PDB file of N, CA and C in Angstrom:
ATOM      1  N   MET A   1       0.800  -1.136  -0.150  1.00  0.00           N
ATOM      2  CA  MET A   1       0.244  -0.068   0.146  1.00  0.00           C
ATOM      3  C   MET A   1       0.704   1.317   0.055  1.00  0.00           C
ATOM      4  N   PRO A   2       0.648   2.328  -0.957  1.00  0.00           N
ATOM      5  CA  PRO A   2       1.813   3.047  -0.836  1.00  0.00           C
ATOM      6  C   PRO A   2       1.920   4.135  -0.258  1.00  0.00           C
ATOM      7  N   PHE A   3       2.178   4.858   0.257  1.00  0.00           N
ATOM      8  CA  PHE A   3       1.836   5.922   1.615  1.00  0.00           C
ATOM      9  C   PHE A   3       1.506   7.105   1.197  1.00  0.00           C
ATOM     10  N   PRO A   4       0.295   8.097   1.644  1.00  0.00           N
ATOM     11  CA  PRO A   4      -0.204   8.982   1.160  1.00  0.00           C
ATOM     12  C   PRO A   4       0.556  10.373   0.618  1.00  0.00           C
ATOM     13  N   ILE A   5       0.009  11.281  -0.069  1.00  0.00           N
ATOM     14  CA  ILE A   5       0.754  12.300  -0.296  1.00  0.00           C
ATOM     15  C   ILE A   5       0.065  13.232   0.175  1.00  0.00           C
ATOM     16  N   ARG A   6       1.191  14.150   0.747  1.00  0.00           N
ATOM     17  CA  ARG A   6       0.708  15.629   0.761  1.00  0.00           C
ATOM     18  C   ARG A   6       1.680  16.553   0.417  1.00  0.00           C
ATOM     19  N   THR A   7       0.883  17.439   1.059  1.00  0.00           N
ATOM     20  CA  THR A   7       1.283  18.926   0.449  1.00  0.00           C
ATOM     21  C   THR A   7       1.747  19.889   1.718  1.00  0.00           C
ATOM     22  N   CYS A   8       2.492  20.427   1.081  1.00  0.00           N
ATOM     23  CA  CYS A   8       3.652  20.941   2.894  1.00  0.00           C
ATOM     24  C   CYS A   8       3.106  22.277   2.473  1.00  0.00           C
ATOM     25  N   ALA A   9       2.434  23.033   3.863  1.00  0.00           N
ATOM     26  CA  ALA A   9       1.863  23.795   4.172  1.00  0.00           C
ATOM     27  C   ALA A   9       3.149  25.102   4.446  1.00  0.00           C
ATOM     28  N   VAL A  10       4.066  25.028   4.314  1.00  0.00           N
ATOM     29  CA  VAL A  10       4.849  25.759   4.516  1.00  0.00           C
ATOM     30  C   VAL A  10       5.407  26.049   3.245  1.00  0.00           C
ATOM     31  N   CYS A  11       6.401  25.499   2.300  1.00  0.00           N
ATOM     32  CA  CYS A  11       7.168  25.728   0.922  1.00  0.00           C
ATOM     33  C   CYS A  11       6.044  24.537  -0.205  1.00  0.00           C
ATOM     34  N   GLY A  12       5.313  24.902  -0.178  1.00  0.00           N
ATOM     35  CA  GLY A  12       4.310  23.629  -1.441  1.00  0.00           C
ATOM     36  C   GLY A  12       4.523  22.855  -1.554  1.00  0.00           C
ATOM     37  N   GLU A  13       5.749  21.766  -1.448  1.00  0.00           N
ATOM     38  CA  GLU A  13       6.160  20.591  -2.310  1.00  0.00           C
ATOM     39  C   GLU A  13       5.488  19.388  -1.479  1.00  0.00           C
ATOM     40  N   GLU A  14       5.237  18.722  -2.574  1.00  0.00           N
ATOM     41  CA  GLU A  14       4.842  17.412  -2.515  1.00  0.00           C
ATOM     42  C   GLU A  14       5.690  16.505  -1.522  1.00  0.00           C
ATOM     43  N   PHE A  15       5.011  15.511  -0.378  1.00  0.00           N
ATOM     44  CA  PHE A  15       5.838  14.663  -0.177  1.00  0.00           C
ATOM     45  C   PHE A  15       5.678  13.138   0.260  1.00  0.00           C
ATOM     46  N   GLU A  16       5.539  12.264   0.578  1.00  0.00           N
ATOM     47  CA  GLU A  16       5.021  10.918   0.779  1.00  0.00           C
ATOM     48  C   GLU A  16       5.232  11.107   2.236  1.00  0.00           C
ATOM     49  N   LEU A  17       4.428  10.682   3.442  1.00  0.00           N
ATOM     50  CA  LEU A  17       3.671  11.050   4.915  1.00  0.00           C
ATOM     51  C   LEU A  17       3.976   9.541   4.681  1.00  0.00           C
ATOM     52  N   LYS A  18       4.917   8.625   5.334  1.00  0.00           N
ATOM     53  CA  LYS A  18       5.558   8.389   6.318  1.00  0.00           C
ATOM     54  C   LYS A  18       4.667   7.978   7.625  1.00  0.00           C
ATOM     55  N   PRO A  19       4.796   6.184   8.270  1.00  0.00           N
ATOM     56  CA  PRO A  19       4.881   6.708   9.123  1.00  0.00           C
ATOM     57  C   PRO A  19       5.761   6.767  10.967  1.00  0.00           C
ATOM     58  N   ASP A  20       7.135   7.024  10.633  1.00  0.00           N
ATOM     59  CA  ASP A  20       7.912   7.825  11.010  1.00  0.00           C
ATOM     60  C   ASP A  20       8.970   8.809  11.251  1.00  0.00           C
ATOM     61  N   LYS A  21       7.789   9.659  10.140  1.00  0.00           N
ATOM     62  CA  LYS A  21       8.520  10.859   9.542  1.00  0.00           C
ATOM     63  C   LYS A  21       8.648  11.218  10.667  1.00  0.00           C
ATOM     64  N   PRO A  22       9.766  12.324  11.577  1.00  0.00           N
ATOM     65  CA  PRO A  22       9.351  13.616  12.707  1.00  0.00           C
ATOM     66  C   PRO A  22       9.142  14.421  12.221  1.00  0.00           C
ATOM     67  N   GLY A  23       8.621  15.391  12.773  1.00  0.00           N
ATOM     68  CA  GLY A  23       7.811  16.334  12.355  1.00  0.00           C
ATOM     69  C   GLY A  23       6.912  16.960  12.696  1.00  0.00           C
ATOM     70  N   PHE A  24       5.908  17.799  11.761  1.00  0.00           N
ATOM     71  CA  PHE A  24       4.410  17.382  11.704  1.00  0.00           C
ATOM     72  C   PHE A  24       4.062  17.236  10.617  1.00  0.00           C
ATOM     73  N   ALA A  25       1.990  16.963  10.274  1.00  0.00           N
ATOM     74  CA  ALA A  25       1.948  16.240   9.707  1.00  0.00           C
ATOM     75  C   ALA A  25       1.915  16.775   8.326  1.00  0.00           C
ATOM     76  N   ASN A  26       1.530  18.488   8.061  1.00  0.00           N
ATOM     77  CA  ASN A  26       1.286  18.533   7.544  1.00  0.00           C
ATOM     78  C   ASN A  26       2.316  19.386   6.250  1.00  0.00           C
ATOM     79  N   ARG A  27       3.570  19.173   7.552  1.00  0.00           N
ATOM     80  CA  ARG A  27       5.259  19.514   6.986  1.00  0.00           C
ATOM     81  C   ARG A  27       6.430  18.315   5.655  1.00  0.00           C
ATOM     82  N   CYS A  28       6.497  18.676   4.851  1.00  0.00           N
ATOM     83  CA  CYS A  28       7.488  18.050   3.977  1.00  0.00           C
ATOM     84  C   CYS A  28       9.203  18.212   5.351  1.00  0.00           C
ATOM     85  N   PRO A  29       9.458  16.954   5.505  1.00  0.00           N
ATOM     86  CA  PRO A  29      11.024  16.538   6.141  1.00  0.00           C
ATOM     87  C   PRO A  29      11.746  17.877   6.283  1.00  0.00           C
ATOM     88  N   SER A  30      12.139  18.282   5.102  1.00  0.00           N
ATOM     89  CA  SER A  30      12.454  19.802   5.241  1.00  0.00           C
ATOM     90  C   SER A  30      12.621  20.050   5.906  1.00  0.00           C
ATOM     91  N   CYS A  31      11.532  20.705   5.846  1.00  0.00           N
ATOM     92  CA  CYS A  31      10.609  22.009   7.186  1.00  0.00           C
ATOM     93  C   CYS A  31      10.056  21.350   7.920  1.00  0.00           C
ATOM     94  N   SER A  32      10.012  20.244   8.826  1.00  0.00           N
ATOM     95  CA  SER A  32       9.645  20.580   9.610  1.00  0.00           C
ATOM     96  C   SER A  32      11.173  19.742  10.983  1.00  0.00           C
ATOM     97  N   GLU A  33      12.014  19.662  10.312  1.00  0.00           N
ATOM     98  CA  GLU A  33      13.490  19.737  10.967  1.00  0.00           C
ATOM     99  C   GLU A  33      13.071  21.057  12.147  1.00  0.00           C
ATOM    100  N   PRO A  34      13.829  21.024  13.112  1.00  0.00           N
ATOM    101  CA  PRO A  34      13.735  22.284  14.491  1.00  0.00           C
ATOM    102  C   PRO A  34      14.572  23.032  13.574  1.00  0.00           C
ATOM    103  N   GLU A  35      14.410  24.450  14.354  1.00  0.00           N
ATOM    104  CA  GLU A  35      14.460  25.831  14.407  1.00  0.00           C
ATOM    105  C   GLU A  35      16.037  25.470  15.436  1.00  0.00           C
ATOM    106  N   GLU A  36      15.970  26.863  14.277  1.00  0.00           N
ATOM    107  CA  GLU A  36      17.774  27.349  15.857  1.00  0.00           C
ATOM    108  C   GLU A  36      17.341  27.574  16.626  1.00  0.00           C
ATOM    109  N   VAL A  37      17.927  28.014  17.689  1.00  0.00           N
ATOM    110  CA  VAL A  37      17.232  28.302  18.862  1.00  0.00           C
ATOM    111  C   VAL A  37      18.318  30.012  18.523  1.00  0.00           C
ATOM    112  N   GLY A  38      17.319  31.279  18.338  1.00  0.00           N
ATOM    113  CA  GLY A  38      17.474  32.011  17.954  1.00  0.00           C
ATOM    114  C   GLY A  38      18.135  32.779  19.752  1.00  0.00           C
ATOM    115  N   ALA A  39      18.656  34.499  18.709  1.00  0.00           N
ATOM    116  CA  ALA A  39      18.926  35.486  20.687  1.00  0.00           C
ATOM    117  C   ALA A  39      17.803  34.752  21.702  1.00  0.00           C
ATOM    118  N   LYS A  40      16.240  35.004  20.936  1.00  0.00           N
ATOM    119  CA  LYS A  40      14.845  35.256  21.898  1.00  0.00           C
ATOM    120  C   LYS A  40      15.361  33.774  23.099  1.00  0.00           C
ATOM    121  N   GLY A  41      15.148  32.952  22.246  1.00  0.00           N
ATOM    122  CA  GLY A  41      16.043  31.105  22.616  1.00  0.00           C
ATOM    123  C   GLY A  41      16.728  31.469  24.172  1.00  0.00           C
ATOM    124  N   ALA A  42      17.632  32.016  23.366  1.00  0.00           N
ATOM    125  CA  ALA A  42      19.126  31.869  24.406  1.00  0.00           C
ATOM    126  C   ALA A  42      19.126  32.806  24.911  1.00  0.00           C
ATOM    127  N   SER A  43      18.383  33.660  25.058  1.00  0.00           N
ATOM    128  CA  SER A  43      18.480  35.049  26.264  1.00  0.00           C
ATOM    129  C   SER A  43      17.252  33.903  27.697  1.00  0.00           C
ATOM    130  N   LEU A  44      16.771  33.468  27.688  1.00  0.00           N
ATOM    131  CA  LEU A  44      15.933  32.757  28.428  1.00  0.00           C
ATOM    132  C   LEU A  44      16.911  32.071  29.243  1.00  0.00           C
ATOM    133  N   SER A  45      17.297  31.256  28.639  1.00  0.00           N
ATOM    134  CA  SER A  45      17.833  30.242  29.360  1.00  0.00           C
ATOM    135  C   SER A  45      19.919  30.217  29.989  1.00  0.00           C
ATOM    136  N   SER A  46      19.550  31.585  29.677  1.00  0.00           N
ATOM    137  CA  SER A  46      21.544  32.894  29.836  1.00  0.00           C
ATOM    138  C   SER A  46      21.459  32.027  31.137  1.00  0.00           C
ATOM    139  N   GLY A  47      20.945  32.341  32.112  1.00  0.00           N
ATOM    140  CA  GLY A  47      21.290  31.346  33.341  1.00  0.00           C
ATOM    141  C   GLY A  47      21.884  33.259  34.552  1.00  0.00           C
ATOM    142  N   ASP A  48      21.231  34.096  33.785  1.00  0.00           N
ATOM    143  CA  ASP A  48      21.286  35.786  34.545  1.00  0.00           C
ATOM    144  C   ASP A  48      20.775  35.439  36.086  1.00  0.00           C
ATOM    145  N   SER A  49      21.449  34.904  37.069  1.00  0.00           N
ATOM    146  CA  SER A  49      21.580  34.770  38.699  1.00  0.00           C
ATOM    147  C   SER A  49      20.798  35.797  39.353  1.00  0.00           C
ATOM    148  N   ASP A  50      20.975  36.739  38.655  1.00  0.00           N
ATOM    149  CA  ASP A  50      21.152  38.013  39.756  1.00  0.00           C
ATOM    150  C   ASP A  50      19.242  38.840  39.288  1.00  0.00           C
ATOM    151  N   LEU A  51      19.467  38.116  37.865  1.00  0.00           N
ATOM    152  CA  LEU A  51      17.489  38.588  37.506  1.00  0.00           C
ATOM    153  C   LEU A  51      16.851  37.982  38.050  1.00  0.00           C
ATOM    154  N   ASN A  52      17.069  36.203  38.376  1.00  0.00           N
ATOM    155  CA  ASN A  52      15.884  35.500  38.689  1.00  0.00           C
ATOM    156  C   ASN A  52      16.036  35.740  40.311  1.00  0.00           C
ATOM    157  N   ALA A  53      17.229  35.807  40.742  1.00  0.00           N
ATOM    158  CA  ALA A  53      16.453  36.799  42.272  1.00  0.00           C
ATOM    159  C   ALA A  53      15.985  36.726  42.572  1.00  0.00           C
ATOM    160  N   ALA A  54      15.906  38.343  42.013  1.00  0.00           N
ATOM    161  CA  ALA A  54      14.844  39.424  41.644  1.00  0.00           C
ATOM    162  C   ALA A  54      13.518  38.996  41.109  1.00  0.00           C
ATOM    163  N   ARG A  55      13.391  38.321  40.374  1.00  0.00           N
ATOM    164  CA  ARG A  55      12.087  37.354  40.274  1.00  0.00           C
ATOM    165  C   ARG A  55      11.586  37.027  41.441  1.00  0.00           C
ATOM    166  N   ARG A  56      12.252  35.985  42.305  1.00  0.00           N
ATOM    167  CA  ARG A  56      11.920  35.034  42.744  1.00  0.00           C
ATOM    168  C   ARG A  56      11.544  36.160  43.716  1.00  0.00           C
ATOM    169  N   THR A  57      12.128  37.028  44.488  1.00  0.00           N
ATOM    170  CA  THR A  57      11.747  38.764  45.545  1.00  0.00           C
ATOM    171  C   THR A  57      10.613  38.495  45.382  1.00  0.00           C
ATOM    172  N   ALA A  58      10.649  39.694  44.164  1.00  0.00           N
ATOM    173  CA  ALA A  58       8.803  40.142  43.574  1.00  0.00           C
ATOM    174  C   ALA A  58       8.075  38.945  44.119  1.00  0.00           C
ATOM    175  N   ILE A  59       8.145  37.376  43.288  1.00  0.00           N
ATOM    176  CA  ILE A  59       6.892  36.520  43.300  1.00  0.00           C
ATOM    177  C   ILE A  59       6.823  36.230  44.831  1.00  0.00           C
ATOM    178  N   ARG A  60       7.511  35.698  45.878  1.00  0.00           N
ATOM    179  CA  ARG A  60       7.673  35.716  46.895  1.00  0.00           C
ATOM    180  C   ARG A  60       6.972  37.555  48.458  1.00  0.00           C
ATOM    181  N   ASP A  61       7.116  38.216  46.724  1.00  0.00           N
ATOM    182  CA  ASP A  61       6.270  39.497  48.404  1.00  0.00           C
ATOM    183  C   ASP A  61       5.327  39.994  48.266  1.00  0.00           C
ATOM    184  N   MET A  62       4.833  39.268  46.587  1.00  0.00           N
ATOM    185  CA  MET A  62       3.240  39.173  45.955  1.00  0.00           C
ATOM    186  C   MET A  62       2.889  37.984  47.241  1.00  0.00           C
ATOM    187  N   LEU A  63       3.043  37.047  47.256  1.00  0.00           N
ATOM    188  CA  LEU A  63       2.852  35.705  47.656  1.00  0.00           C
ATOM    189  C   LEU A  63       2.091  36.409  48.926  1.00  0.00           C
ATOM    190  N   TYR A  64       3.484  36.415  49.619  1.00  0.00           N
ATOM    191  CA  TYR A  64       3.286  36.546  51.301  1.00  0.00           C
ATOM    192  C   TYR A  64       2.997  38.114  51.393  1.00  0.00           C
ATOM    193  N   ARG A  65       2.874  38.723  51.114  1.00  0.00           N
ATOM    194  CA  ARG A  65       2.673  40.094  51.136  1.00  0.00           C
ATOM    195  C   ARG A  65       1.699  40.936  52.796  1.00  0.00           C
ATOM    196  N   LYS A  66       1.912  40.506  53.486  1.00  0.00           N
ATOM    197  CA  LYS A  66       0.814  41.306  54.412  1.00  0.00           C
ATOM    198  C   LYS A  66      -0.394  42.137  54.390  1.00  0.00           C
ATOM    199  N   GLU A  67      -1.403  41.741  54.507  1.00  0.00           N
ATOM    200  CA  GLU A  67      -2.545  43.015  54.122  1.00  0.00           C
ATOM    201  C   GLU A  67      -3.097  43.376  56.041  1.00  0.00           C
ATOM    202  N   SER A  68      -2.859  44.833  55.151  1.00  0.00           N
ATOM    203  CA  SER A  68      -3.016  45.602  57.106  1.00  0.00           C
ATOM    204  C   SER A  68      -5.022  45.878  57.092  1.00  0.00           C
TER     205      SER A  68
END
């Protein structure tokens, strides 16, 4: 039984949808490869300890402040 032929939603190329194909079912193998992590993704996981400490302090203050 042949595999179904699909059209890529990104580039419009036709491809066979195989059972072990990684990625999305409506994208061809070249378009469904993982994208490179850009500057935005790197800044979130950069490990800025001062920023994380400030976030923890702000969240703790909001959660445990005393209402008078």
